[in-house]
Amino acid sequence: MTKSQQEVIADLLARRDAVLAQLAGLSSTSVGALPNTTGTGDHVDHTGLRQSLYRELAEIDQLLERIAGPHEAISRGRLT
């Protein structure tokens, strides 16, 4: 079953809100806000996590723009 365009847009907006909330929730002690760490057998890529969230956010915005399609705005009036 395929989703309607409105359902796809709603899903993208929900995911964008989730990513924004995750980015906004980063504190100085949370995963993603700390510097990268490497230990014996462990490696935590905090910077990579943060960058992947920003990339996902940009991709979602591009998809929403693509779905909206090209548009043109015309305004009338006087500039002062």
PDB file of N, CA and C in Angstrom:
ATOM      1  N   MET A   1       0.836  -1.175   0.000  1.00  0.00           N
ATOM      2  CA  MET A   1       0.000   0.000   0.000  1.00  0.00           C
ATOM      3  C   MET A   1       0.886   1.246   0.000  1.00  0.00           C
ATOM      4  N   THR A   2       0.660   2.091  -0.949  1.00  0.00           N
ATOM      5  CA  THR A   2       1.453   3.309  -1.017  1.00  0.00           C
ATOM      6  C   THR A   2       0.783   4.418  -0.215  1.00  0.00           C
ATOM      7  N   LYS A   3       1.597   5.308   0.264  1.00  0.00           N
ATOM      8  CA  LYS A   3       1.087   6.420   1.057  1.00  0.00           C
ATOM      9  C   LYS A   3       0.733   7.583   0.154  1.00  0.00           C
ATOM     10  N   SER A   4      -0.214   8.368   0.593  1.00  0.00           N
ATOM     11  CA  SER A   4      -0.562   9.576  -0.149  1.00  0.00           C
ATOM     12  C   SER A   4       0.522  10.628   0.089  1.00  0.00           C
ATOM     13  N   GLN A   5       0.514  11.633  -0.732  1.00  0.00           N
ATOM     14  CA  GLN A   5       1.508  12.697  -0.601  1.00  0.00           C
ATOM     15  C   GLN A   5       1.382  13.380   0.759  1.00  0.00           C
ATOM     16  N   GLN A   6       0.175  13.566   1.245  1.00  0.00           N
ATOM     17  CA  GLN A   6      -0.029  14.194   2.550  1.00  0.00           C
ATOM     18  C   GLN A   6       0.519  13.324   3.682  1.00  0.00           C
ATOM     19  N   GLU A   7       0.387  12.008   3.547  1.00  0.00           N
ATOM     20  CA  GLU A   7       0.929  11.100   4.564  1.00  0.00           C
ATOM     21  C   GLU A   7       2.451  11.136   4.565  1.00  0.00           C
ATOM     22  N   VAL A   8       3.044  11.190   3.389  1.00  0.00           N
ATOM     23  CA  VAL A   8       4.506  11.277   3.284  1.00  0.00           C
ATOM     24  C   VAL A   8       4.998  12.575   3.916  1.00  0.00           C
ATOM     25  N   ILE A   9       4.319  13.672   3.615  1.00  0.00           N
ATOM     26  CA  ILE A   9       4.698  14.972   4.184  1.00  0.00           C
ATOM     27  C   ILE A   9       4.564  14.941   5.701  1.00  0.00           C
ATOM     28  N   ALA A  10       3.476  14.355   6.200  1.00  0.00           N
ATOM     29  CA  ALA A  10       3.271  14.263   7.652  1.00  0.00           C
ATOM     30  C   ALA A  10       4.378  13.433   8.305  1.00  0.00           C
ATOM     31  N   ASP A  11       4.774  12.322   7.665  1.00  0.00           N
ATOM     32  CA  ASP A  11       5.861  11.487   8.191  1.00  0.00           C
ATOM     33  C   ASP A  11       7.178  12.252   8.218  1.00  0.00           C
ATOM     34  N   LEU A  12       7.467  12.987   7.145  1.00  0.00           N
ATOM     35  CA  LEU A  12       8.708  13.760   7.084  1.00  0.00           C
ATOM     36  C   LEU A  12       8.721  14.860   8.145  1.00  0.00           C
ATOM     37  N   LEU A  13       7.594  15.528   8.320  1.00  0.00           N
ATOM     38  CA  LEU A  13       7.516  16.586   9.330  1.00  0.00           C
ATOM     39  C   LEU A  13       7.673  16.010  10.736  1.00  0.00           C
ATOM     40  N   ALA A  14       7.110  14.841  10.977  1.00  0.00           N
ATOM     41  CA  ALA A  14       7.245  14.194  12.289  1.00  0.00           C
ATOM     42  C   ALA A  14       8.698  13.827  12.549  1.00  0.00           C
ATOM     43  N   ARG A  15       9.369  13.288  11.535  1.00  0.00           N
ATOM     44  CA  ARG A  15      10.778  12.916  11.710  1.00  0.00           C
ATOM     45  C   ARG A  15      11.636  14.155  11.902  1.00  0.00           C
ATOM     46  N   ARG A  16      11.329  15.226  11.139  1.00  0.00           N
ATOM     47  CA  ARG A  16      12.092  16.477  11.290  1.00  0.00           C
ATOM     48  C   ARG A  16      11.934  17.013  12.709  1.00  0.00           C
ATOM     49  N   ASP A  17      10.723  16.965  13.247  1.00  0.00           N
ATOM     50  CA  ASP A  17      10.494  17.416  14.622  1.00  0.00           C
ATOM     51  C   ASP A  17      11.284  16.571  15.620  1.00  0.00           C
ATOM     52  N   ALA A  18      11.349  15.260  15.372  1.00  0.00           N
ATOM     53  CA  ALA A  18      12.098  14.367  16.264  1.00  0.00           C
ATOM     54  C   ALA A  18      13.591  14.675  16.224  1.00  0.00           C
ATOM     55  N   VAL A  19      14.119  14.929  15.035  1.00  0.00           N
ATOM     56  CA  VAL A  19      15.545  15.255  14.904  1.00  0.00           C
ATOM     57  C   VAL A  19      15.836  16.595  15.575  1.00  0.00           C
ATOM     58  N   LEU A  20      14.967  17.566  15.364  1.00  0.00           N
ATOM     59  CA  LEU A  20      15.153  18.876  16.004  1.00  0.00           C
ATOM     60  C   LEU A  20      15.108  18.753  17.525  1.00  0.00           C
ATOM     61  N   ALA A  21      14.197  17.942  18.029  1.00  0.00           N
ATOM     62  CA  ALA A  21      14.105  17.741  19.477  1.00  0.00           C
ATOM     63  C   ALA A  21      15.366  17.061  20.011  1.00  0.00           C
ATOM     64  N   GLN A  22      15.881  16.109  19.245  1.00  0.00           N
ATOM     65  CA  GLN A  22      17.104  15.424  19.675  1.00  0.00           C
ATOM     66  C   GLN A  22      18.275  16.395  19.689  1.00  0.00           C
ATOM     67  N   LEU A  23      18.387  17.234  18.675  1.00  0.00           N
ATOM     68  CA  LEU A  23      19.465  18.226  18.646  1.00  0.00           C
ATOM     69  C   LEU A  23      19.302  19.249  19.770  1.00  0.00           C
ATOM     70  N   ALA A  24      18.079  19.691  19.995  1.00  0.00           N
ATOM     71  CA  ALA A  24      17.828  20.677  21.045  1.00  0.00           C
ATOM     72  C   ALA A  24      18.091  20.092  22.428  1.00  0.00           C
ATOM     73  N   GLY A  25      17.916  18.777  22.573  1.00  0.00           N
ATOM     74  CA  GLY A  25      18.102  18.127  23.859  1.00  0.00           C
ATOM     75  C   GLY A  25      19.547  17.805  24.200  1.00  0.00           C
ATOM     76  N   LEU A  26      20.463  18.082  23.284  1.00  0.00           N
ATOM     77  CA  LEU A  26      21.866  17.794  23.573  1.00  0.00           C
ATOM     78  C   LEU A  26      22.352  18.720  24.686  1.00  0.00           C
ATOM     79  N   SER A  27      22.850  18.113  25.737  1.00  0.00           N
ATOM     80  CA  SER A  27      23.442  18.894  26.822  1.00  0.00           C
ATOM     81  C   SER A  27      24.927  18.565  26.872  1.00  0.00           C
ATOM     82  N   SER A  28      25.634  19.243  27.715  1.00  0.00           N
ATOM     83  CA  SER A  28      27.087  19.043  27.768  1.00  0.00           C
ATOM     84  C   SER A  28      27.467  17.647  28.244  1.00  0.00           C
ATOM     85  N   THR A  29      26.510  16.870  28.730  1.00  0.00           N
ATOM     86  CA  THR A  29      26.821  15.522  29.209  1.00  0.00           C
ATOM     87  C   THR A  29      26.141  14.423  28.396  1.00  0.00           C
ATOM     88  N   SER A  30      25.410  14.783  27.338  1.00  0.00           N
ATOM     89  CA  SER A  30      24.683  13.769  26.585  1.00  0.00           C
ATOM     90  C   SER A  30      25.481  13.265  25.391  1.00  0.00           C
ATOM     91  N   VAL A  31      25.105  12.078  24.929  1.00  0.00           N
ATOM     92  CA  VAL A  31      25.745  11.498  23.752  1.00  0.00           C
ATOM     93  C   VAL A  31      25.488  12.425  22.565  1.00  0.00           C
ATOM     94  N   GLY A  32      26.550  12.752  21.850  1.00  0.00           N
ATOM     95  CA  GLY A  32      26.437  13.647  20.706  1.00  0.00           C
ATOM     96  C   GLY A  32      26.965  15.028  21.021  1.00  0.00           C
ATOM     97  N   ALA A  33      27.018  15.386  22.295  1.00  0.00           N
ATOM     98  CA  ALA A  33      27.502  16.707  22.671  1.00  0.00           C
ATOM     99  C   ALA A  33      28.927  16.652  23.218  1.00  0.00           C
ATOM    100  N   LEU A  34      29.399  15.462  23.464  1.00  0.00           N
ATOM    101  CA  LEU A  34      30.734  15.290  24.037  1.00  0.00           C
ATOM    102  C   LEU A  34      31.776  15.158  22.930  1.00  0.00           C
ATOM    103  N   PRO A  35      33.038  15.344  23.262  1.00  0.00           N
ATOM    104  CA  PRO A  35      34.072  15.069  22.265  1.00  0.00           C
ATOM    105  C   PRO A  35      34.178  13.567  22.015  1.00  0.00           C
ATOM    106  N   ASN A  36      34.728  13.190  20.876  1.00  0.00           N
ATOM    107  CA  ASN A  36      34.921  11.772  20.570  1.00  0.00           C
ATOM    108  C   ASN A  36      35.812  11.133  21.624  1.00  0.00           C
ATOM    109  N   THR A  37      35.506   9.878  21.949  1.00  0.00           N
ATOM    110  CA  THR A  37      36.315   9.165  22.934  1.00  0.00           C
ATOM    111  C   THR A  37      36.756   7.822  22.368  1.00  0.00           C
ATOM    112  N   THR A  38      37.940   7.420  22.756  1.00  0.00           N
ATOM    113  CA  THR A  38      38.475   6.128  22.356  1.00  0.00           C
ATOM    114  C   THR A  38      39.084   5.477  23.583  1.00  0.00           C
ATOM    115  N   GLY A  39      38.744   4.225  23.787  1.00  0.00           N
ATOM    116  CA  GLY A  39      39.301   3.486  24.915  1.00  0.00           C
ATOM    117  C   GLY A  39      39.677   2.096  24.463  1.00  0.00           C
ATOM    118  N   THR A  40      39.850   1.218  25.399  1.00  0.00           N
ATOM    119  CA  THR A  40      40.216  -0.159  25.072  1.00  0.00           C
ATOM    120  C   THR A  40      39.028  -0.869  24.448  1.00  0.00           C
ATOM    121  N   GLY A  41      39.020  -0.936  23.133  1.00  0.00           N
ATOM    122  CA  GLY A  41      37.959  -1.618  22.412  1.00  0.00           C
ATOM    123  C   GLY A  41      36.708  -0.787  22.194  1.00  0.00           C
ATOM    124  N   ASP A  42      36.659   0.402  22.753  1.00  0.00           N
ATOM    125  CA  ASP A  42      35.484   1.262  22.611  1.00  0.00           C
ATOM    126  C   ASP A  42      35.844   2.524  21.852  1.00  0.00           C
ATOM    127  N   HIS A  43      34.916   2.952  21.026  1.00  0.00           N
ATOM    128  CA  HIS A  43      35.066   4.232  20.348  1.00  0.00           C
ATOM    129  C   HIS A  43      33.673   4.849  20.227  1.00  0.00           C
ATOM    130  N   VAL A  44      33.509   6.027  20.761  1.00  0.00           N
ATOM    131  CA  VAL A  44      32.224   6.718  20.681  1.00  0.00           C
ATOM    132  C   VAL A  44      32.416   7.964  19.833  1.00  0.00           C
ATOM    133  N   ASP A  45      31.712   7.992  18.717  1.00  0.00           N
ATOM    134  CA  ASP A  45      31.842   9.099  17.764  1.00  0.00           C
ATOM    135  C   ASP A  45      30.707  10.103  17.992  1.00  0.00           C
ATOM    136  N   HIS A  46      30.899  10.949  18.980  1.00  0.00           N
ATOM    137  CA  HIS A  46      29.883  11.954  19.304  1.00  0.00           C
ATOM    138  C   HIS A  46      29.719  12.959  18.165  1.00  0.00           C
ATOM    139  N   THR A  47      30.831  13.370  17.590  1.00  0.00           N
ATOM    140  CA  THR A  47      30.792  14.335  16.493  1.00  0.00           C
ATOM    141  C   THR A  47      30.057  13.757  15.292  1.00  0.00           C
ATOM    142  N   GLY A  48      30.303  12.491  14.987  1.00  0.00           N
ATOM    143  CA  GLY A  48      29.632  11.826  13.871  1.00  0.00           C
ATOM    144  C   GLY A  48      28.126  11.757  14.075  1.00  0.00           C
ATOM    145  N   LEU A  49      27.702  11.480  15.302  1.00  0.00           N
ATOM    146  CA  LEU A  49      26.273  11.433  15.602  1.00  0.00           C
ATOM    147  C   LEU A  49      25.633  12.799  15.347  1.00  0.00           C
ATOM    148  N   ARG A  50      26.264  13.839  15.868  1.00  0.00           N
ATOM    149  CA  ARG A  50      25.739  15.192  15.695  1.00  0.00           C
ATOM    150  C   ARG A  50      25.689  15.566  14.218  1.00  0.00           C
ATOM    151  N   GLN A  51      26.757  15.263  13.477  1.00  0.00           N
ATOM    152  CA  GLN A  51      26.797  15.582  12.049  1.00  0.00           C
ATOM    153  C   GLN A  51      25.744  14.795  11.276  1.00  0.00           C
ATOM    154  N   SER A  52      25.507  13.539  11.657  1.00  0.00           N
ATOM    155  CA  SER A  52      24.502  12.749  10.953  1.00  0.00           C
ATOM    156  C   SER A  52      23.100  13.307  11.193  1.00  0.00           C
ATOM    157  N   LEU A  53      22.848  13.838  12.381  1.00  0.00           N
ATOM    158  CA  LEU A  53      21.552  14.464  12.645  1.00  0.00           C
ATOM    159  C   LEU A  53      21.372  15.718  11.785  1.00  0.00           C
ATOM    160  N   TYR A  54      22.426  16.525  11.670  1.00  0.00           N
ATOM    161  CA  TYR A  54      22.343  17.714  10.819  1.00  0.00           C
ATOM    162  C   TYR A  54      22.158  17.339   9.348  1.00  0.00           C
ATOM    163  N   ARG A  55      22.844  16.287   8.898  1.00  0.00           N
ATOM    164  CA  ARG A  55      22.680  15.819   7.517  1.00  0.00           C
ATOM    165  C   ARG A  55      21.255  15.325   7.270  1.00  0.00           C
ATOM    166  N   GLU A  56      20.731  14.551   8.222  1.00  0.00           N
ATOM    167  CA  GLU A  56      19.364  14.048   8.079  1.00  0.00           C
ATOM    168  C   GLU A  56      18.376  15.200   8.020  1.00  0.00           C
ATOM    169  N   LEU A  57      18.583  16.209   8.842  1.00  0.00           N
ATOM    170  CA  LEU A  57      17.712  17.380   8.837  1.00  0.00           C
ATOM    171  C   LEU A  57      17.749  18.083   7.482  1.00  0.00           C
ATOM    172  N   ALA A  58      18.937  18.243   6.920  1.00  0.00           N
ATOM    173  CA  ALA A  58      19.073  18.875   5.603  1.00  0.00           C
ATOM    174  C   ALA A  58      18.398  18.042   4.516  1.00  0.00           C
ATOM    175  N   GLU A  59      18.546  16.718   4.586  1.00  0.00           N
ATOM    176  CA  GLU A  59      17.923  15.845   3.589  1.00  0.00           C
ATOM    177  C   GLU A  59      16.402  15.895   3.676  1.00  0.00           C
ATOM    178  N   ILE A  60      15.871  15.938   4.887  1.00  0.00           N
ATOM    179  CA  ILE A  60      14.419  16.039   5.053  1.00  0.00           C
ATOM    180  C   ILE A  60      13.915  17.349   4.463  1.00  0.00           C
ATOM    181  N   ASP A  61      14.620  18.441   4.739  1.00  0.00           N
ATOM    182  CA  ASP A  61      14.225  19.741   4.184  1.00  0.00           C
ATOM    183  C   ASP A  61      14.265  19.724   2.658  1.00  0.00           C
ATOM    184  N   GLN A  62      15.283  19.080   2.076  1.00  0.00           N
ATOM    185  CA  GLN A  62      15.369  18.983   0.615  1.00  0.00           C
ATOM    186  C   GLN A  62      14.208  18.167   0.053  1.00  0.00           C
ATOM    187  N   LEU A  63      13.856  17.081   0.726  1.00  0.00           N
ATOM    188  CA  LEU A  63      12.726  16.264   0.271  1.00  0.00           C
ATOM    189  C   LEU A  63      11.420  17.049   0.328  1.00  0.00           C
ATOM    190  N   LEU A  64      11.223  17.799   1.398  1.00  0.00           N
ATOM    191  CA  LEU A  64      10.007  18.602   1.515  1.00  0.00           C
ATOM    192  C   LEU A  64       9.942  19.671   0.424  1.00  0.00           C
ATOM    193  N   GLU A  65      11.091  20.275   0.103  1.00  0.00           N
ATOM    194  CA  GLU A  65      11.131  21.268  -0.977  1.00  0.00           C
ATOM    195  C   GLU A  65      10.832  20.609  -2.320  1.00  0.00           C
ATOM    196  N   ARG A  66      11.380  19.407  -2.535  1.00  0.00           N
ATOM    197  CA  ARG A  66      11.153  18.690  -3.789  1.00  0.00           C
ATOM    198  C   ARG A  66       9.680  18.319  -3.945  1.00  0.00           C
ATOM    199  N   ILE A  67       9.055  17.891  -2.853  1.00  0.00           N
ATOM    200  CA  ILE A  67       7.644  17.541  -2.898  1.00  0.00           C
ATOM    201  C   ILE A  67       6.792  18.774  -3.200  1.00  0.00           C
ATOM    202  N   ALA A  68       7.162  19.898  -2.606  1.00  0.00           N
ATOM    203  CA  ALA A  68       6.398  21.135  -2.817  1.00  0.00           C
ATOM    204  C   ALA A  68       6.498  21.601  -4.267  1.00  0.00           C
ATOM    205  N   GLY A  69       7.613  21.271  -4.926  1.00  0.00           N
ATOM    206  CA  GLY A  69       7.797  21.648  -6.323  1.00  0.00           C
ATOM    207  C   GLY A  69       8.143  23.120  -6.471  1.00  0.00           C
ATOM    208  N   PRO A  70       8.407  23.502  -7.708  1.00  0.00           N
ATOM    209  CA  PRO A  70       8.749  24.903  -7.928  1.00  0.00           C
ATOM    210  C   PRO A  70       7.524  25.787  -7.684  1.00  0.00           C
ATOM    211  N   HIS A  71       7.782  26.974  -7.216  1.00  0.00           N
ATOM    212  CA  HIS A  71       6.685  27.900  -6.994  1.00  0.00           C
ATOM    213  C   HIS A  71       7.144  29.320  -7.309  1.00  0.00           C
ATOM    214  N   GLU A  72       6.197  30.139  -7.568  1.00  0.00           N
ATOM    215  CA  GLU A  72       6.485  31.517  -7.942  1.00  0.00           C
ATOM    216  C   GLU A  72       5.598  32.423  -7.093  1.00  0.00           C
ATOM    217  N   ALA A  73       6.173  33.495  -6.611  1.00  0.00           N
ATOM    218  CA  ALA A  73       5.402  34.428  -5.797  1.00  0.00           C
ATOM    219  C   ALA A  73       5.363  35.776  -6.504  1.00  0.00           C
ATOM    220  N   ILE A  74       4.201  36.346  -6.548  1.00  0.00           N
ATOM    221  CA  ILE A  74       4.028  37.669  -7.150  1.00  0.00           C
ATOM    222  C   ILE A  74       3.421  38.568  -6.076  1.00  0.00           C
ATOM    223  N   SER A  75       4.022  39.712  -5.895  1.00  0.00           N
ATOM    224  CA  SER A  75       3.460  40.660  -4.950  1.00  0.00           C
ATOM    225  C   SER A  75       3.278  42.000  -5.631  1.00  0.00           C
ATOM    226  N   ARG A  76       2.285  42.684  -5.213  1.00  0.00           N
ATOM    227  CA  ARG A  76       2.017  44.003  -5.760  1.00  0.00           C
ATOM    228  C   ARG A  76       2.005  44.991  -4.619  1.00  0.00           C
ATOM    229  N   GLY A  77       2.455  46.156  -4.924  1.00  0.00           N
ATOM    230  CA  GLY A  77       2.478  47.168  -3.888  1.00  0.00           C
ATOM    231  C   GLY A  77       3.643  48.111  -4.121  1.00  0.00           C
ATOM    232  N   ARG A  78       3.837  48.940  -3.182  1.00  0.00           N
ATOM    233  CA  ARG A  78       4.869  49.948  -3.310  1.00  0.00           C
ATOM    234  C   ARG A  78       5.911  49.742  -2.228  1.00  0.00           C
ATOM    235  N   LEU A  79       7.129  49.763  -2.610  1.00  0.00           N
ATOM    236  CA  LEU A  79       8.222  49.683  -1.630  1.00  0.00           C
ATOM    237  C   LEU A  79       8.486  51.087  -1.122  1.00  0.00           C
ATOM    238  N   THR A  80       8.682  51.211   0.169  1.00  0.00           N
ATOM    239  CA  THR A  80       8.981  52.527   0.726  1.00  0.00           C
ATOM    240  C   THR A  80      10.332  52.513   1.363  1.00  0.00           C
TER     241      THR A  80
END
